[in-house]
Amino acid sequence: MKRWIIFTAKFLLLASLCAGPLLANAAEQKKLAPAEKRARIDAEAKDALSKLLAESKEAKELYDKSYGYAAFITTKVSLGLSGGGGGGEAVVKSTGKKTYMKMGLGGAGLALGAHQYQVVFLFQTREVFDNFVEKGFEGGAGASLVAGKEGSHRATSFRNGIAVYMFTKQGLVASADITGSRFWKDKQLN
């Protein structure tokens, strides 16, 4: 019992040290002007897509077949209840047309910690892409253990016209939770 208390105390301390910088970064983002937010999202989306295509031959093959993609950077904080959010863009490959979007998530479960990650969606068809942009997307469930600087979850094929890839940016999380994720257009940036 005493070991469990010591372990829990150390884990809580570590989680709080990780959450501080992530929350500070989120507060800094809110202060930016719309043009600065778009520029930052553009750079983060380019980074996420470049990383994905460089690291995964399967993703490159799916990207080559896709109509478009979306890339998001998200911060999630968990302490029993989890919540977070972020932003990103959905891009039509043939024209480069961008739609800036937001992402929110929330859930409950056995979760403790904070982390930041990038999510890249590849859309097989225009119909699936347009549905994502116009109607948003909801879903998600998972169990993960993320520690250190980088990690990833990889898809190898389209499912219902979408392939999803997730890369951790930084932080620490130990969780077994059901998290609802929602994506919608960012009215301020479009």
Protein backbone atom coordinates (compact mmCIF):
# COMPACT_ATOMS: atom_id res chain seq x y z
CA MET A 1 0.00 0.00 0.00
CA LYS A 2 2.80 2.40 0.90
CA ARG A 3 4.52 1.75 -2.46
CA TRP A 4 1.28 2.51 -4.29
CA ILE A 5 0.94 5.85 -2.47
CA ILE A 6 4.54 6.80 -3.30
CA PHE A 7 4.08 5.75 -6.94
CA THR A 8 0.84 7.74 -7.21
CA ALA A 9 2.43 10.84 -5.65
CA LYS A 10 5.38 10.68 -8.06
CA PHE A 11 3.08 10.17 -11.02
CA LEU A 12 0.88 13.11 -10.02
CA LEU A 13 3.95 15.33 -9.67
CA LEU A 14 5.25 14.26 -13.06
CA ALA A 15 1.84 14.78 -14.69
CA SER A 16 1.54 18.29 -13.23
CA LEU A 17 5.01 19.18 -14.51
CA CYS A 18 4.00 18.04 -18.01
CA ALA A 19 0.63 19.81 -17.98
CA GLY A 20 2.01 23.25 -17.09
CA PRO A 21 3.87 23.95 -20.35
CA LEU A 22 1.06 22.49 -22.46
CA LEU A 23 -1.55 24.73 -20.85
CA ALA A 24 0.74 27.77 -21.16
CA ASN A 25 1.13 27.07 -24.89
CA ALA A 26 -2.66 26.85 -25.31
CA ALA A 27 -3.11 30.21 -23.55
CA GLU A 28 -0.46 31.77 -25.82
CA GLN A 29 -2.30 30.50 -28.92
CA LYS A 30 -5.51 32.29 -27.91
CA LYS A 31 -3.70 35.66 -27.87
CA LEU A 32 -2.59 35.47 -31.52
CA ALA A 33 -4.24 37.49 -34.31
CA PRO A 34 -6.17 35.44 -36.93
CA ALA A 35 -3.42 35.78 -39.57
CA GLU A 36 -0.83 34.55 -37.05
CA LYS A 37 -3.07 31.63 -36.07
CA ARG A 38 -3.50 30.63 -39.72
CA ALA A 39 0.27 30.84 -40.30
CA ARG A 40 0.96 28.69 -37.24
CA ILE A 41 -1.68 26.13 -38.26
CA ASP A 42 -0.26 26.05 -41.81
CA ALA A 43 3.24 25.35 -40.46
CA GLU A 44 2.04 22.69 -38.00
CA ALA A 45 -0.06 20.95 -40.67
CA LYS A 46 2.88 20.96 -43.10
CA ASP A 47 5.12 19.53 -40.36
CA ALA A 48 2.65 16.78 -39.46
CA LEU A 49 2.06 15.77 -43.09
CA SER A 50 5.79 15.83 -43.90
CA LYS A 51 6.57 13.70 -40.85
CA LEU A 52 3.85 11.21 -41.76
CA LEU A 53 4.90 10.85 -45.39
CA ALA A 54 8.58 10.52 -44.46
CA GLU A 55 7.96 7.85 -41.81
CA SER A 56 5.35 5.64 -43.47
CA LYS A 57 5.45 4.17 -46.96
CA GLU A 58 1.85 2.99 -46.50
CA ALA A 59 0.72 6.51 -45.60
CA LYS A 60 2.50 7.92 -48.66
CA GLU A 61 0.67 5.41 -50.87
CA LEU A 62 -2.70 6.34 -49.31
CA TYR A 63 -1.88 10.05 -49.57
CA ASP A 64 -1.14 9.65 -53.28
CA LYS A 65 -4.62 8.10 -53.74
CA SER A 66 -6.44 10.57 -51.49
CA TYR A 67 -8.65 13.52 -52.43
CA GLY A 68 -7.50 15.61 -49.46
CA TYR A 69 -6.23 15.61 -45.92
CA ALA A 70 -6.68 17.31 -42.57
CA ALA A 71 -4.02 17.90 -39.92
CA PHE A 72 -4.59 18.98 -36.31
CA ILE A 73 -2.50 19.68 -33.23
CA THR A 74 -4.29 18.91 -29.99
CA THR A 75 -3.63 19.23 -26.28
CA LYS A 76 -5.31 16.77 -23.90
CA VAL A 77 -5.28 16.90 -20.10
CA SER A 78 -6.60 14.00 -18.02
CA LEU A 79 -7.22 13.53 -14.33
CA GLY A 80 -10.07 11.01 -14.23
CA LEU A 81 -12.01 13.29 -16.56
CA SER A 82 -10.25 14.29 -19.75
CA GLY A 83 -10.63 17.28 -21.98
CA GLY A 84 -8.78 19.22 -24.56
CA GLY A 85 -8.85 20.79 -27.93
CA GLY A 86 -6.90 22.22 -30.77
CA GLY A 87 -7.00 23.43 -34.29
CA GLY A 88 -6.01 22.44 -37.77
CA GLU A 89 -6.87 22.60 -41.41
CA ALA A 90 -8.52 20.46 -44.06
CA VAL A 91 -6.91 20.76 -47.50
CA VAL A 92 -8.06 19.77 -51.00
CA LYS A 93 -4.90 18.38 -52.60
CA SER A 94 -5.65 19.37 -56.20
CA THR A 95 -6.35 23.06 -55.45
CA GLY A 96 -4.67 23.68 -52.09
CA LYS A 97 -7.95 25.15 -50.78
CA LYS A 98 -7.84 25.23 -46.98
CA THR A 99 -10.63 25.15 -44.43
CA TYR A 100 -9.51 25.99 -40.91
CA MET A 101 -11.13 23.85 -38.24
CA LYS A 102 -11.31 23.32 -34.49
CA MET A 103 -11.23 20.12 -32.49
CA GLY A 104 -12.66 19.46 -29.04
CA LEU A 105 -12.60 16.34 -26.93
CA GLY A 106 -13.82 15.16 -23.59
CA GLY A 107 -14.26 11.93 -21.73
CA ALA A 108 -14.07 10.00 -18.52
CA GLY A 109 -12.06 7.01 -17.44
CA LEU A 110 -8.89 5.91 -15.73
CA ALA A 111 -6.69 8.68 -17.04
CA LEU A 112 -3.92 10.82 -15.63
CA GLY A 113 -1.54 13.20 -17.40
CA ALA A 114 -1.24 15.60 -20.27
CA HIS A 115 0.05 15.36 -23.79
CA GLN A 116 0.09 17.13 -27.10
CA TYR A 117 -0.27 15.29 -30.37
CA GLN A 118 -0.75 15.70 -34.09
CA VAL A 119 -3.55 13.95 -35.96
CA VAL A 120 -3.58 13.54 -39.74
CA PHE A 121 -6.67 12.37 -41.64
CA LEU A 122 -6.45 11.21 -45.26
CA PHE A 123 -9.72 11.30 -47.20
CA GLN A 124 -10.23 8.85 -50.04
CA THR A 125 -12.96 10.78 -51.90
CA ARG A 126 -14.41 14.26 -52.28
CA GLU A 127 -17.67 13.09 -50.68
CA VAL A 128 -15.93 11.89 -47.51
CA PHE A 129 -13.79 15.05 -47.36
CA ASP A 130 -16.77 17.38 -47.85
CA ASN A 131 -18.76 15.50 -45.22
CA PHE A 132 -15.91 15.97 -42.72
CA VAL A 133 -15.60 19.68 -43.46
CA GLU A 134 -19.30 20.52 -43.67
CA LYS A 135 -20.77 18.22 -41.01
CA GLY A 136 -17.74 17.67 -38.80
CA PHE A 137 -16.73 14.37 -37.35
CA GLU A 138 -17.40 12.78 -34.00
CA GLY A 139 -15.92 9.69 -32.45
CA GLY A 140 -13.06 8.06 -30.66
CA ALA A 141 -12.27 5.49 -28.04
CA GLY A 142 -8.97 4.22 -26.90
CA ALA A 143 -6.40 3.05 -24.47
CA SER A 144 -2.89 4.39 -24.57
CA LEU A 145 0.34 4.75 -22.71
CA VAL A 146 2.38 7.63 -24.07
CA ALA A 147 5.65 8.72 -22.53
CA GLY A 148 8.57 10.77 -23.75
CA LYS A 149 8.90 12.92 -26.82
CA GLU A 150 7.50 10.95 -29.73
CA GLY A 151 5.29 7.99 -30.55
CA SER A 152 2.74 7.18 -33.22
CA HIS A 153 -0.30 5.15 -34.15
CA ARG A 154 -0.45 4.16 -37.81
CA ALA A 155 -3.26 3.19 -40.16
CA THR A 156 -2.53 1.02 -43.20
CA SER A 157 -5.74 1.40 -45.21
CA PHE A 158 -8.82 3.57 -45.66
CA ARG A 159 -11.77 2.67 -43.43
CA ASN A 160 -15.05 4.21 -44.51
CA GLY A 161 -12.99 6.47 -46.77
CA ILE A 162 -10.70 7.79 -44.00
CA ALA A 163 -7.23 6.85 -42.76
CA VAL A 164 -6.17 8.36 -39.41
CA TYR A 165 -2.65 8.79 -38.04
CA MET A 166 -1.68 10.13 -34.60
CA PHE A 167 1.75 11.34 -33.46
CA THR A 168 2.50 12.41 -29.91
CA LYS A 169 4.26 15.74 -29.69
CA GLN A 170 5.37 15.73 -26.05
CA GLY A 171 4.15 14.77 -22.65
CA LEU A 172 2.99 11.83 -20.66
CA VAL A 173 -0.36 10.08 -20.37
CA ALA A 174 -1.51 6.78 -18.97
CA SER A 175 -5.12 6.17 -19.87
CA ALA A 176 -7.90 3.75 -20.55
CA ASP A 177 -10.75 6.05 -21.50
CA ILE A 178 -13.55 6.73 -23.91
CA THR A 179 -13.04 10.15 -25.37
CA GLY A 180 -15.46 11.88 -27.65
CA SER A 181 -13.78 13.97 -30.33
CA ARG A 182 -15.57 16.56 -32.43
CA PHE A 183 -14.33 18.61 -35.38
CA TRP A 184 -15.97 21.74 -36.83
CA LYS A 185 -15.18 24.81 -38.98
CA ASP A 186 -13.37 27.69 -37.28
CA LYS A 187 -15.63 30.66 -38.06
CA GLN A 188 -12.96 33.15 -36.97
CA LEU A 189 -10.27 31.86 -39.32
CA ASN A 190 -12.30 31.08 -42.48
